[in-house]
């Protein structure tokens, strides 16, 4: 039976942390090494962690240098052949880990597997199901997004990447997927494995405008990589337009519809098919400017899981 290491980075998410922990501990797969890395939370997160410490392989509460640093600490402690992280406001669905292990056993050539994902609100109510598709390295370079909570990796592949780059704070997971896909095959599994929680304090809402800026930093880093640069060159216009489209999407989430429209128009100018594939971003931004927020939300959520 393969050992699976799960890391939960935690910081002041006590309202959701217990559900996250239980979603790991109550899986039907018993060979789990669970590691919780708390960043010196000032709410009652530590009390919640202590409640379950007998079932944890390791936990710590100390100041760190952000999410990537916390997760990398967990990676350094992990000994499982399969590894993943689950943020302290997200959670696994029942049977997820055993399903992921089965896929790795059936596909020894695969380095990373990912399932589909629910989008839930602060109360755990589902408002969208993100159904992904099989992606290539070129797709990842063009910011086709994978839901991080539904991702599992081989530790052997992760070790080659040296983990998360602490210079990235918002699209740090996507940057890692690119480096993993550079090594070998990634595989989509048409099963719903996890739920990502969207709430006011989540960084994809609270710091939404920073995500777009980081997309361009990822492209700059890829362009400087001698192995990835030739692949990027093949899809350069699509990739650059996709970065602007990501920027537009997050600016919209950050309450900046006028800036979102400008970003979407830049995508349209660079590579029209990329922008037009997410015409709903433009429409919803216009509706937001007109004060039709509820209609805008309905249009934005009625979409495929891509950026």
Protein backbone atom coordinates (compact mmCIF):
# COMPACT_ATOMS: atom_id res chain seq x y z
CA UNK A 1 0.00 0.00 0.00
CA UNK A 2 1.46 3.34 -1.08
CA UNK A 3 2.01 5.98 1.59
CA UNK A 4 0.26 9.26 0.76
CA UNK A 5 1.53 12.48 2.35
CA UNK A 6 -0.93 15.36 2.72
CA UNK A 7 0.21 18.81 3.87
CA UNK A 8 -2.13 21.48 5.15
CA UNK A 9 -0.71 25.02 5.41
CA UNK A 10 -2.74 26.96 7.95
CA UNK A 11 -3.05 30.57 8.99
CA UNK A 12 -6.05 32.08 10.78
CA UNK A 13 -8.64 29.88 9.08
CA UNK A 14 -10.13 28.38 12.23
CA UNK A 15 -13.66 28.70 10.85
CA UNK A 16 -12.85 26.10 8.19
CA UNK A 17 -9.79 24.25 9.48
CA UNK A 18 -11.58 21.43 11.32
CA UNK A 19 -13.55 20.46 8.22
CA UNK A 20 -10.30 20.40 6.25
CA UNK A 21 -8.59 18.17 8.81
CA UNK A 22 -11.53 15.78 9.05
CA UNK A 23 -11.76 15.54 5.25
CA UNK A 24 -8.27 14.02 5.34
CA UNK A 25 -8.58 11.90 8.48
CA UNK A 26 -11.94 10.42 7.50
CA UNK A 27 -10.80 9.16 4.08
CA UNK A 28 -11.30 5.44 3.42
CA UNK A 29 -7.57 5.10 2.67
CA UNK A 30 -5.65 4.40 5.86
CA UNK A 31 -2.01 4.76 4.80
CA UNK A 32 -1.87 8.56 5.11
CA UNK A 33 0.87 10.74 6.54
CA UNK A 34 -0.82 14.00 7.51
CA UNK A 35 1.28 17.11 8.18
CA UNK A 36 -0.10 20.48 9.33
CA UNK A 37 2.10 23.58 9.10
CA UNK A 38 0.55 26.56 10.85
CA UNK A 39 1.99 30.04 10.45
CA UNK A 40 1.57 31.15 14.08
CA UNK A 41 -2.17 31.72 13.84
CA UNK A 42 -3.71 34.16 16.31
CA UNK A 43 -7.20 32.64 16.24
CA UNK A 44 -8.01 29.22 17.73
CA UNK A 45 -6.41 27.25 14.89
CA UNK A 46 -3.77 25.76 17.20
CA UNK A 47 -6.44 24.47 19.56
CA UNK A 48 -8.15 22.74 16.64
CA UNK A 49 -4.87 21.21 15.48
CA UNK A 50 -4.09 19.96 19.00
CA UNK A 51 -7.49 18.27 19.10
CA UNK A 52 -6.29 15.95 16.33
CA UNK A 53 -2.53 15.86 16.99
CA UNK A 54 -2.55 12.16 17.89
CA UNK A 55 -3.57 11.43 14.28
CA UNK A 56 -1.01 13.75 12.71
CA UNK A 57 2.43 12.66 11.59
CA UNK A 58 3.76 16.14 12.40
CA UNK A 59 2.53 19.62 13.09
CA UNK A 60 4.06 22.96 13.97
CA UNK A 61 2.87 26.49 14.61
CA UNK A 62 5.51 29.11 13.89
CA UNK A 63 5.99 32.19 11.78
CA UNK A 64 6.86 31.52 8.16
CA UNK A 65 7.44 33.44 4.95
CA UNK A 66 4.07 32.75 3.40
CA UNK A 67 2.12 29.88 1.90
CA UNK A 68 4.89 28.52 -0.33
CA UNK A 69 7.32 28.45 2.59
CA UNK A 70 4.80 26.61 4.78
CA UNK A 71 4.01 24.02 2.11
CA UNK A 72 7.70 23.50 1.34
CA UNK A 73 8.27 22.79 5.04
CA UNK A 74 5.66 20.09 4.74
CA UNK A 75 7.22 18.74 1.56
CA UNK A 76 10.55 18.47 3.35
CA UNK A 77 8.92 16.36 6.09
CA UNK A 78 6.87 14.18 3.74
CA UNK A 79 7.97 10.62 3.07
CA UNK A 80 5.03 9.33 1.01
CA UNK A 81 5.39 8.14 -2.57
CA UNK A 82 2.35 10.29 -3.42
CA UNK A 83 2.01 13.82 -2.13
CA UNK A 84 -0.54 16.65 -2.15
CA UNK A 85 -1.50 19.70 -0.16
CA UNK A 86 -4.91 20.81 1.05
CA UNK A 87 -5.33 24.42 2.10
CA UNK A 88 -7.01 25.07 5.42
CA UNK A 89 -10.26 26.37 3.92
CA UNK A 90 -10.72 23.62 1.29
CA UNK A 91 -11.57 19.94 1.72
CA UNK A 92 -11.52 16.50 0.11
CA UNK A 93 -14.61 14.58 -0.85
CA UNK A 94 -15.07 11.02 0.38
CA UNK A 95 -12.97 8.38 -1.39
CA UNK A 96 -10.66 10.86 -3.06
CA UNK A 97 -7.30 9.60 -1.85
CA UNK A 98 -8.01 5.93 -2.60
CA UNK A 99 -9.18 6.97 -6.08
CA UNK A 100 -5.98 8.94 -6.70
CA UNK A 101 -3.78 6.06 -5.52
CA UNK A 102 -5.61 3.69 -7.86
CA UNK A 103 -4.90 5.96 -10.83
CA UNK A 104 -1.19 6.11 -10.00
CA UNK A 105 -1.07 2.32 -9.71
CA UNK A 106 -2.79 1.90 -13.06
CA UNK A 107 -0.57 4.52 -14.77
CA UNK A 108 3.02 4.18 -13.52
CA UNK A 109 4.20 6.67 -16.16
CA UNK A 110 2.04 9.50 -14.80
CA UNK A 111 3.66 12.14 -12.56
CA UNK A 112 0.61 14.20 -11.65
CA UNK A 113 -3.11 13.42 -11.58
CA UNK A 114 -5.99 15.84 -11.13
CA UNK A 115 -9.72 15.48 -10.77
CA UNK A 116 -12.63 17.87 -10.96
CA UNK A 117 -13.57 20.27 -8.17
CA UNK A 118 -16.55 21.89 -6.51
CA UNK A 119 -16.62 25.62 -5.84
CA UNK A 120 -18.35 26.28 -2.52
CA UNK A 121 -19.15 29.40 -0.51
CA UNK A 122 -18.27 30.15 3.11
CA UNK A 123 -21.17 27.96 4.24
CA UNK A 124 -20.09 25.00 2.12
CA UNK A 125 -22.88 25.48 -0.41
CA UNK A 126 -21.86 24.45 -3.94
CA UNK A 127 -22.34 27.18 -6.55
CA UNK A 128 -20.28 25.67 -9.37
CA UNK A 129 -18.69 22.41 -10.49
CA UNK A 130 -15.37 22.84 -12.26
CA UNK A 131 -15.03 20.07 -14.81
CA UNK A 132 -11.55 20.12 -16.27
CA UNK A 133 -10.09 18.45 -19.35
CA UNK A 134 -6.88 16.72 -20.27
CA UNK A 135 -4.20 19.39 -20.57
CA UNK A 136 -0.79 19.54 -22.19
CA UNK A 137 2.28 21.51 -21.19
CA UNK A 138 1.37 24.05 -23.87
CA UNK A 139 -2.10 24.40 -22.33
CA UNK A 140 -0.55 25.12 -18.94
CA UNK A 141 1.72 27.73 -20.48
CA UNK A 142 -1.50 29.31 -21.78
CA UNK A 143 -2.99 29.37 -18.28
CA UNK A 144 -5.49 26.59 -18.54
CA UNK A 145 -6.00 26.30 -14.81
CA UNK A 146 -6.13 23.12 -12.71
CA UNK A 147 -7.93 23.22 -9.35
CA UNK A 148 -5.13 22.77 -6.81
CA UNK A 149 -7.16 20.87 -4.15
CA UNK A 150 -7.82 18.08 -6.66
CA UNK A 151 -4.13 17.49 -7.54
CA UNK A 152 -1.82 14.65 -6.44
CA UNK A 153 1.84 14.23 -7.41
CA UNK A 154 4.60 11.67 -7.24
CA UNK A 155 7.16 12.78 -4.66
CA UNK A 156 9.99 11.63 -6.96
CA UNK A 157 8.90 14.19 -9.57
CA UNK A 158 8.28 16.90 -6.99
CA UNK A 159 11.81 16.51 -5.61
CA UNK A 160 13.28 17.32 -9.02
CA UNK A 161 11.47 20.68 -9.00
CA UNK A 162 12.69 21.62 -5.51
CA UNK A 163 9.08 22.34 -4.57
CA UNK A 164 7.22 25.62 -4.73
CA UNK A 165 9.07 28.77 -5.70
CA UNK A 166 8.68 31.14 -2.69
CA UNK A 167 8.88 34.11 -5.05
CA UNK A 168 5.33 33.32 -6.17
CA UNK A 169 2.38 33.91 -3.85
CA UNK A 170 -0.76 33.68 -5.99
CA UNK A 171 -0.20 31.33 -8.93
CA UNK A 172 2.45 29.32 -7.11
CA UNK A 173 0.59 26.08 -7.78
CA UNK A 174 0.27 26.73 -11.52
CA UNK A 175 3.98 27.51 -11.72
CA UNK A 176 4.67 24.13 -10.09
CA UNK A 177 2.33 22.26 -12.47
CA UNK A 178 4.28 23.68 -15.42
CA UNK A 179 7.56 22.42 -14.00
CA UNK A 180 6.08 18.99 -13.27
CA UNK A 181 4.52 18.70 -16.73
CA UNK A 182 7.92 19.53 -18.18
CA UNK A 183 9.17 16.23 -16.72
CA UNK A 184 6.48 13.90 -18.03
CA UNK A 185 2.82 13.00 -18.27
CA UNK A 186 -0.03 14.57 -16.31
CA UNK A 187 -3.46 12.97 -16.32
CA UNK A 188 -6.99 14.25 -15.81
CA UNK A 189 -9.45 11.94 -14.05
CA UNK A 190 -13.17 12.69 -14.67
CA UNK A 191 -14.09 12.37 -10.99
CA UNK A 192 -14.90 15.14 -8.51
CA UNK A 193 -12.30 14.96 -5.76
CA UNK A 194 -12.30 18.16 -3.74
CA UNK A 195 -14.00 21.44 -2.89
CA UNK A 196 -12.41 24.89 -3.02
CA UNK A 197 -13.99 27.48 -0.77
CA UNK A 198 -14.56 31.01 -2.04
CA UNK A 199 -15.03 33.58 0.71
CA UNK A 200 -14.21 37.21 1.38
CA UNK A 201 -10.92 36.47 3.18
CA UNK A 202 -9.63 34.05 0.54
CA UNK A 203 -6.75 35.52 -1.44
CA UNK A 204 -8.50 34.81 -4.74
CA UNK A 205 -11.00 37.43 -3.60
CA UNK A 206 -9.07 39.65 -1.17
CA UNK A 207 -5.98 40.00 -3.41
CA UNK A 208 -7.50 39.14 -6.76
CA UNK A 209 -5.72 41.89 -8.67
CA UNK A 210 -2.32 40.40 -7.81
CA UNK A 211 -3.00 37.14 -9.66
CA UNK A 212 -2.77 38.71 -13.10
CA UNK A 213 0.54 40.36 -12.36
CA UNK A 214 1.93 37.00 -11.32
CA UNK A 215 0.78 35.40 -14.59
CA UNK A 216 3.13 37.72 -16.46
CA UNK A 217 5.95 36.90 -14.03
CA UNK A 218 5.44 33.20 -14.78
CA UNK A 219 5.75 33.87 -18.51
CA UNK A 220 8.94 35.83 -17.90
CA UNK A 221 10.38 32.95 -15.85
CA UNK A 222 9.43 30.42 -18.54
CA UNK A 223 11.01 32.58 -21.24
CA UNK A 224 14.31 32.44 -19.34
CA UNK A 225 14.21 28.63 -19.01
CA UNK A 226 16.24 27.10 -21.84
CA UNK A 227 14.02 24.01 -21.94
CA UNK A 228 10.65 25.73 -21.68
CA UNK A 229 11.39 28.80 -23.83
CA UNK A 230 11.16 26.93 -27.18
CA UNK A 231 7.80 25.46 -26.17
CA UNK A 232 6.52 28.89 -25.14
CA UNK A 233 7.67 30.33 -28.46
CA UNK A 234 5.26 27.99 -30.29
CA UNK A 235 2.25 29.41 -28.41
CA UNK A 236 3.56 32.84 -27.49
CA UNK A 237 0.60 34.94 -28.69
CA UNK A 238 -1.94 32.61 -27.14
CA UNK A 239 0.03 32.53 -23.88
CA UNK A 240 0.36 36.32 -23.67
CA UNK A 241 -3.33 36.79 -24.45
CA UNK A 242 -4.18 34.18 -21.84
CA UNK A 243 -2.19 36.07 -19.21
CA UNK A 244 -4.24 39.20 -19.97
CA UNK A 245 -7.41 37.12 -19.79
CA UNK A 246 -6.40 35.76 -16.38
CA UNK A 247 -5.72 39.34 -15.35
CA UNK A 248 -9.19 40.36 -16.52
CA UNK A 249 -10.85 37.51 -14.64
CA UNK A 250 -9.19 38.32 -11.34
CA UNK A 251 -9.60 42.09 -11.71
CA UNK A 252 -13.29 41.37 -12.07
CA UNK A 253 -13.26 39.28 -8.88
CA UNK A 254 -11.36 42.10 -7.20
CA UNK A 255 -14.14 44.59 -7.94
CA UNK A 256 -12.36 46.41 -10.76
CA UNK A 257 -14.62 45.90 -13.81
CA UNK A 258 -13.25 48.83 -15.84
CA UNK A 259 -9.69 47.50 -15.52
CA UNK A 260 -10.99 44.01 -16.30
CA UNK A 261 -12.46 45.27 -19.58
CA UNK A 262 -9.13 46.87 -20.52
CA UNK A 263 -7.27 43.62 -19.78
CA UNK A 264 -9.78 41.59 -21.81
CA UNK A 265 -9.42 43.98 -24.75
CA UNK A 266 -5.64 43.55 -24.65
CA UNK A 267 -6.17 39.80 -24.88
CA UNK A 268 -8.49 40.35 -27.85
CA UNK A 269 -5.87 42.44 -29.64
CA UNK A 270 -3.09 39.86 -29.11
CA UNK A 271 -5.03 36.66 -29.88
CA UNK A 272 -8.76 37.07 -30.58
CA UNK A 273 -9.78 33.38 -30.13
CA UNK A 274 -8.35 33.38 -26.60
CA UNK A 275 -10.33 36.44 -25.55
CA UNK A 276 -13.53 35.40 -27.32
CA UNK A 277 -13.43 31.99 -25.60
CA UNK A 278 -14.24 33.89 -22.42
CA UNK A 279 -16.59 36.53 -23.76
CA UNK A 280 -18.55 36.16 -20.51
CA UNK A 281 -15.75 38.04 -18.71
CA UNK A 282 -16.41 41.08 -20.87
CA UNK A 283 -20.18 40.78 -20.54
CA UNK A 284 -20.10 40.33 -16.79
CA UNK A 285 -17.69 43.27 -16.36
CA UNK A 286 -20.08 45.51 -18.32
CA UNK A 287 -23.02 44.30 -16.24
CA UNK A 288 -21.03 45.03 -13.10
CA UNK A 289 -20.41 48.59 -14.25
CA UNK A 290 -24.14 48.93 -14.87
CA UNK A 291 -24.91 47.76 -11.35
CA UNK A 292 -26.41 44.46 -12.45
CA UNK A 293 -24.25 42.38 -10.12
CA UNK A 294 -26.57 39.39 -9.66
CA UNK A 295 -26.95 38.90 -13.40
CA UNK A 296 -23.22 39.31 -13.80
CA UNK A 297 -22.60 36.57 -11.21
CA UNK A 298 -24.94 34.16 -12.97
CA UNK A 299 -23.20 34.72 -16.30
CA UNK A 300 -19.71 34.37 -14.86
CA UNK A 301 -20.51 31.15 -13.02
CA UNK A 302 -22.11 29.60 -16.09
CA UNK A 303 -18.78 28.65 -17.58
CA UNK A 304 -16.37 25.82 -18.21
CA UNK A 305 -13.46 25.42 -15.83
CA UNK A 306 -10.87 27.41 -17.69
CA UNK A 307 -9.42 30.88 -17.84
